Amino acid sequence: MSGNQVNVYDRFVDFLAGHQAAVDLLERAQDHKSPIEFVVLAASVIDAFLREALVYEHQIKTQSMAIPESLVYQQPRSSGISERGIYMKARDARVISPELFKRLSDLYDDRSAVVHRYIITAITTERVLEIAAQYEEILEAVQAARDEVSTRLMNAGCGTVVEFPEDLEMVDAAALDVDIEEPKLGTVEDKHGSSWVKKYLGKEDVDKPPSSKP
């Protein structure tokens, strides 16, 4: 196996850790009743679910462990694949239905209004709460779509859901559900940046981050 192949598996593990870190933050936003933060993070988690599903769909089609790097890593200063681009790829690969694609596209426009035009338009906080509720609902549909592809991959007996190269830690990617309470990947703490962040997010008891202001 070449160094480049190992590198893309490392990046996939980092991607899954980033996904779980986003779930940590999403759960905190929900617990703290922060609708704008919830909308932003829900969109990120949906994007991650679809990218993961597209990786698995690629592995089913190629009967391999190949991971398209552009789905799990964005090179510095590159444009990468946009969220809307991921929606289109997922629709074209039949990971999601045309109906779900339409719902995602509509919510994408609503999310943009929340993030970029909350102050300068007539959008209300009540409307933001409605959008957050729609994101919570569609998260389940997208996760179900990811799970369906993951199940087909396992049944096919190939891909990263089944095994990683021997020199890499096994990762049960299909276990990454939005209601996970404890991180399953060893690099999640690295993604958060410091051990006190895990405590700050409520994963462990702590009054406040070290040297932070109240």
Protein backbone atom coordinates (compact mmCIF):
# COMPACT_ATOMS: atom_id res chain seq x y z
CA MET A 1 0.00 0.00 0.00
CA SER A 2 1.40 3.39 -0.97
CA GLY A 3 1.86 6.34 1.34
CA ASN A 4 -0.89 8.21 -0.46
CA GLN A 5 -3.36 5.40 0.20
CA VAL A 6 -2.56 5.38 3.90
CA ASN A 7 -2.87 9.16 3.93
CA VAL A 8 -6.40 9.14 2.56
CA TYR A 9 -7.46 6.59 5.21
CA ASP A 10 -5.96 8.85 7.86
CA ARG A 11 -7.95 11.72 6.42
CA PHE A 12 -11.10 9.62 6.48
CA VAL A 13 -10.55 8.89 10.18
CA ASP A 14 -10.00 12.63 10.75
CA PHE A 15 -13.19 13.32 8.79
CA LEU A 16 -15.19 10.94 11.00
CA ALA A 17 -13.69 12.58 14.08
CA GLY A 18 -14.69 15.99 12.75
CA HIS A 19 -18.19 14.63 12.16
CA GLN A 20 -18.44 13.46 15.76
CA ALA A 21 -17.04 16.76 17.05
CA ALA A 22 -19.77 18.58 15.08
CA VAL A 23 -22.35 16.26 16.67
CA ASP A 24 -20.99 17.19 20.11
CA LEU A 25 -21.47 20.87 19.30
CA LEU A 26 -24.90 20.22 17.76
CA GLU A 27 -26.11 18.48 20.91
CA ARG A 28 -24.83 21.38 23.01
CA ALA A 29 -26.64 23.90 20.79
CA GLN A 30 -29.84 21.90 21.19
CA ASP A 31 -29.44 21.61 24.96
CA HIS A 32 -28.78 25.35 25.26
CA LYS A 33 -31.70 26.26 22.98
CA SER A 34 -29.46 28.09 20.50
CA PRO A 35 -31.41 27.89 17.22
CA ILE A 36 -28.99 29.75 14.96
CA GLU A 37 -26.07 27.64 16.15
CA PHE A 38 -28.21 24.53 15.74
CA VAL A 39 -29.08 25.42 12.13
CA VAL A 40 -25.43 25.99 11.21
CA LEU A 41 -24.22 22.77 12.82
CA ALA A 42 -27.13 20.67 11.54
CA ALA A 43 -26.23 21.70 8.00
CA SER A 44 -22.62 20.63 8.64
CA VAL A 45 -23.66 17.26 10.07
CA ILE A 46 -25.99 16.63 7.12
CA ASP A 47 -23.13 17.43 4.75
CA ALA A 48 -20.94 14.93 6.63
CA PHE A 49 -23.58 12.18 6.53
CA LEU A 50 -23.92 12.59 2.77
CA ARG A 51 -20.16 12.65 2.19
CA GLU A 52 -19.80 9.47 4.23
CA ALA A 53 -22.65 7.83 2.27
CA LEU A 54 -21.02 8.82 -1.02
CA VAL A 55 -17.75 7.21 0.07
CA TYR A 56 -19.60 3.98 0.85
CA GLU A 57 -21.55 4.11 -2.41
CA HIS A 58 -18.25 4.49 -4.28
CA GLN A 59 -16.81 1.49 -2.46
CA ILE A 60 -19.85 -0.62 -3.32
CA LYS A 61 -19.57 0.27 -7.00
CA THR A 62 -15.83 -0.37 -7.13
CA GLN A 63 -15.87 -3.32 -4.68
CA SER A 64 -12.91 -1.75 -2.95
CA MET A 65 -11.79 0.32 0.02
CA ALA A 66 -11.08 3.32 -2.21
CA ILE A 67 -11.93 6.69 -0.66
CA PRO A 68 -12.32 9.70 -2.98
CA GLU A 69 -10.22 12.27 -1.16
CA SER A 70 -12.33 15.21 -2.33
CA LEU A 71 -15.26 13.86 -0.30
CA VAL A 72 -13.40 13.80 3.03
CA TYR A 73 -10.71 16.47 2.76
CA GLN A 74 -10.42 19.96 1.31
CA GLN A 75 -6.99 21.11 0.26
CA PRO A 76 -5.88 24.52 1.60
CA ARG A 77 -6.97 27.42 -0.60
CA SER A 78 -9.11 25.14 -2.78
CA SER A 79 -12.82 25.63 -3.34
CA GLY A 80 -13.69 22.01 -2.58
CA ILE A 81 -17.19 20.59 -3.06
CA SER A 82 -19.94 22.84 -1.76
CA GLU A 83 -22.84 21.62 0.34
CA ARG A 84 -25.19 22.07 -2.58
CA GLY A 85 -22.71 20.17 -4.74
CA ILE A 86 -22.78 17.31 -2.23
CA TYR A 87 -26.60 17.31 -2.33
CA MET A 88 -26.44 17.00 -6.12
CA LYS A 89 -23.90 14.19 -6.01
CA ALA A 90 -26.00 12.32 -3.43
CA ARG A 91 -29.10 12.72 -5.60
CA ASP A 92 -27.30 11.61 -8.76
CA ALA A 93 -25.86 8.57 -6.94
CA ARG A 94 -29.38 7.77 -5.65
CA VAL A 95 -28.18 8.05 -2.07
CA ILE A 96 -31.11 10.40 -1.50
CA SER A 97 -34.40 10.74 -3.36
CA PRO A 98 -35.26 13.73 -5.57
CA GLU A 99 -37.82 14.71 -2.91
CA LEU A 100 -35.21 14.75 -0.15
CA PHE A 101 -32.86 16.66 -2.43
CA LYS A 102 -35.56 19.32 -2.91
CA ARG A 103 -36.11 19.60 0.85
CA LEU A 104 -32.37 19.94 1.44
CA SER A 105 -32.03 22.59 -1.25
CA ASP A 106 -34.90 24.63 0.20
CA LEU A 107 -33.42 24.39 3.68
CA TYR A 108 -30.02 25.41 2.31
CA ASP A 109 -31.57 28.70 1.16
CA ASP A 110 -33.25 29.14 4.55
CA ARG A 111 -29.96 28.45 6.33
CA SER A 112 -28.24 31.12 4.23
CA ALA A 113 -30.91 33.62 5.28
CA VAL A 114 -30.38 32.73 8.94
CA VAL A 115 -26.59 33.03 8.76
CA HIS A 116 -26.15 35.97 6.42
CA ARG A 117 -29.36 37.99 6.53
CA TYR A 118 -30.83 37.68 10.04
CA ILE A 119 -30.18 41.35 10.78
CA ILE A 120 -30.80 42.92 7.38
CA THR A 121 -34.07 41.18 6.48
CA ALA A 122 -37.46 40.66 8.10
CA ILE A 123 -36.69 37.08 9.14
CA THR A 124 -37.81 36.58 12.74
CA THR A 125 -36.46 34.44 15.54
CA GLU A 126 -39.71 32.51 15.37
CA ARG A 127 -38.90 31.67 11.75
CA VAL A 128 -35.39 30.62 12.78
CA LEU A 129 -36.93 28.22 15.32
CA GLU A 130 -39.13 26.77 12.57
CA ILE A 131 -36.08 26.26 10.34
CA ALA A 132 -34.22 24.59 13.22
CA ALA A 133 -37.16 22.21 13.71
CA GLN A 134 -37.10 21.36 10.00
CA TYR A 135 -33.38 20.66 10.21
CA GLU A 136 -33.92 18.37 13.18
CA GLU A 137 -36.49 16.40 11.17
CA ILE A 138 -34.44 16.18 7.98
CA LEU A 139 -31.36 15.09 9.92
CA GLU A 140 -33.13 11.82 10.67
CA ALA A 141 -33.98 11.29 7.00
CA VAL A 142 -30.40 11.94 5.88
CA GLN A 143 -29.00 9.70 8.60
CA ALA A 144 -31.38 6.94 7.49
CA ALA A 145 -30.10 7.34 3.93
CA ARG A 146 -26.51 7.01 5.17
CA ASP A 147 -27.44 3.94 7.22
CA GLU A 148 -29.04 2.29 4.18
CA VAL A 149 -25.84 2.69 2.14
CA SER A 150 -23.74 1.51 5.09
CA THR A 151 -25.86 -1.63 5.42
CA ARG A 152 -25.49 -2.40 1.72
CA LEU A 153 -21.74 -1.94 2.04
CA MET A 154 -21.53 -4.36 4.95
CA ASN A 155 -23.67 -6.89 3.08
CA ALA A 156 -21.32 -6.56 0.10
CA GLY A 157 -18.40 -7.50 2.37
CA CYS A 158 -16.15 -4.67 1.27
CA GLY A 159 -15.18 -1.15 2.16
CA THR A 160 -14.10 0.70 5.27
CA VAL A 161 -17.16 -0.33 7.30
CA VAL A 162 -15.74 -3.88 7.21
CA GLU A 163 -12.03 -3.30 7.78
CA PHE A 164 -9.21 -0.78 7.68
CA PRO A 165 -5.59 -1.54 6.79
CA GLU A 166 -3.88 -3.45 9.61
CA ASP A 167 -1.76 -0.47 10.67
CA LEU A 168 -4.81 1.74 11.26
CA GLU A 169 -7.30 1.69 14.12
CA MET A 170 -10.65 0.06 13.34
CA VAL A 171 -13.46 2.59 13.00
CA ASP A 172 -17.13 1.65 13.13
CA ALA A 173 -18.32 4.47 10.89
CA ALA A 174 -21.91 3.24 10.90
CA ALA A 175 -22.11 3.86 14.66
CA LEU A 176 -21.88 7.63 14.20
CA ASP A 177 -25.46 8.57 15.07
CA VAL A 178 -26.59 12.06 16.03
CA ASP A 179 -27.62 10.88 19.51
CA ILE A 180 -24.19 9.55 20.49
CA GLU A 181 -23.33 10.80 23.97
CA GLU A 182 -19.69 9.74 24.14
CA PRO A 183 -17.11 10.09 21.35
CA LYS A 184 -16.28 6.82 19.60
CA LEU A 185 -13.14 7.97 17.79
CA GLY A 186 -9.79 8.59 19.43
CA THR A 187 -9.15 11.77 17.46
CA VAL A 188 -12.32 13.64 18.45
CA GLU A 189 -10.47 15.38 21.28
CA ASP A 190 -7.81 16.43 18.79
CA LYS A 191 -10.52 17.94 16.60
CA HIS A 192 -11.88 19.92 19.54
CA GLY A 193 -8.34 21.17 20.11
CA SER A 194 -7.79 20.61 23.82
CA SER A 195 -8.90 18.26 26.59
CA TRP A 196 -10.75 21.01 28.48
CA VAL A 197 -13.08 21.54 25.50
CA LYS A 198 -14.49 18.05 26.02
CA LYS A 199 -15.27 19.01 29.58
CA TYR A 200 -16.64 22.41 28.51
CA LEU A 201 -19.06 20.65 26.14
CA GLY A 202 -20.44 18.67 29.06
CA LYS A 203 -18.69 15.38 28.35
CA GLU A 204 -16.96 15.67 31.72
CA ASP A 205 -17.63 17.87 34.76
CA VAL A 206 -15.82 21.19 34.78
CA ASP A 207 -16.68 24.69 35.99
CA LYS A 208 -15.05 26.56 33.11
CA PRO A 209 -12.13 26.31 30.69
CA PRO A 210 -8.71 27.03 32.20
CA SER A 211 -7.72 30.69 32.05
CA SER A 212 -11.06 31.60 30.43
CA LYS A 213 -13.23 34.55 31.28
CA PRO A 214 -16.68 33.86 32.77
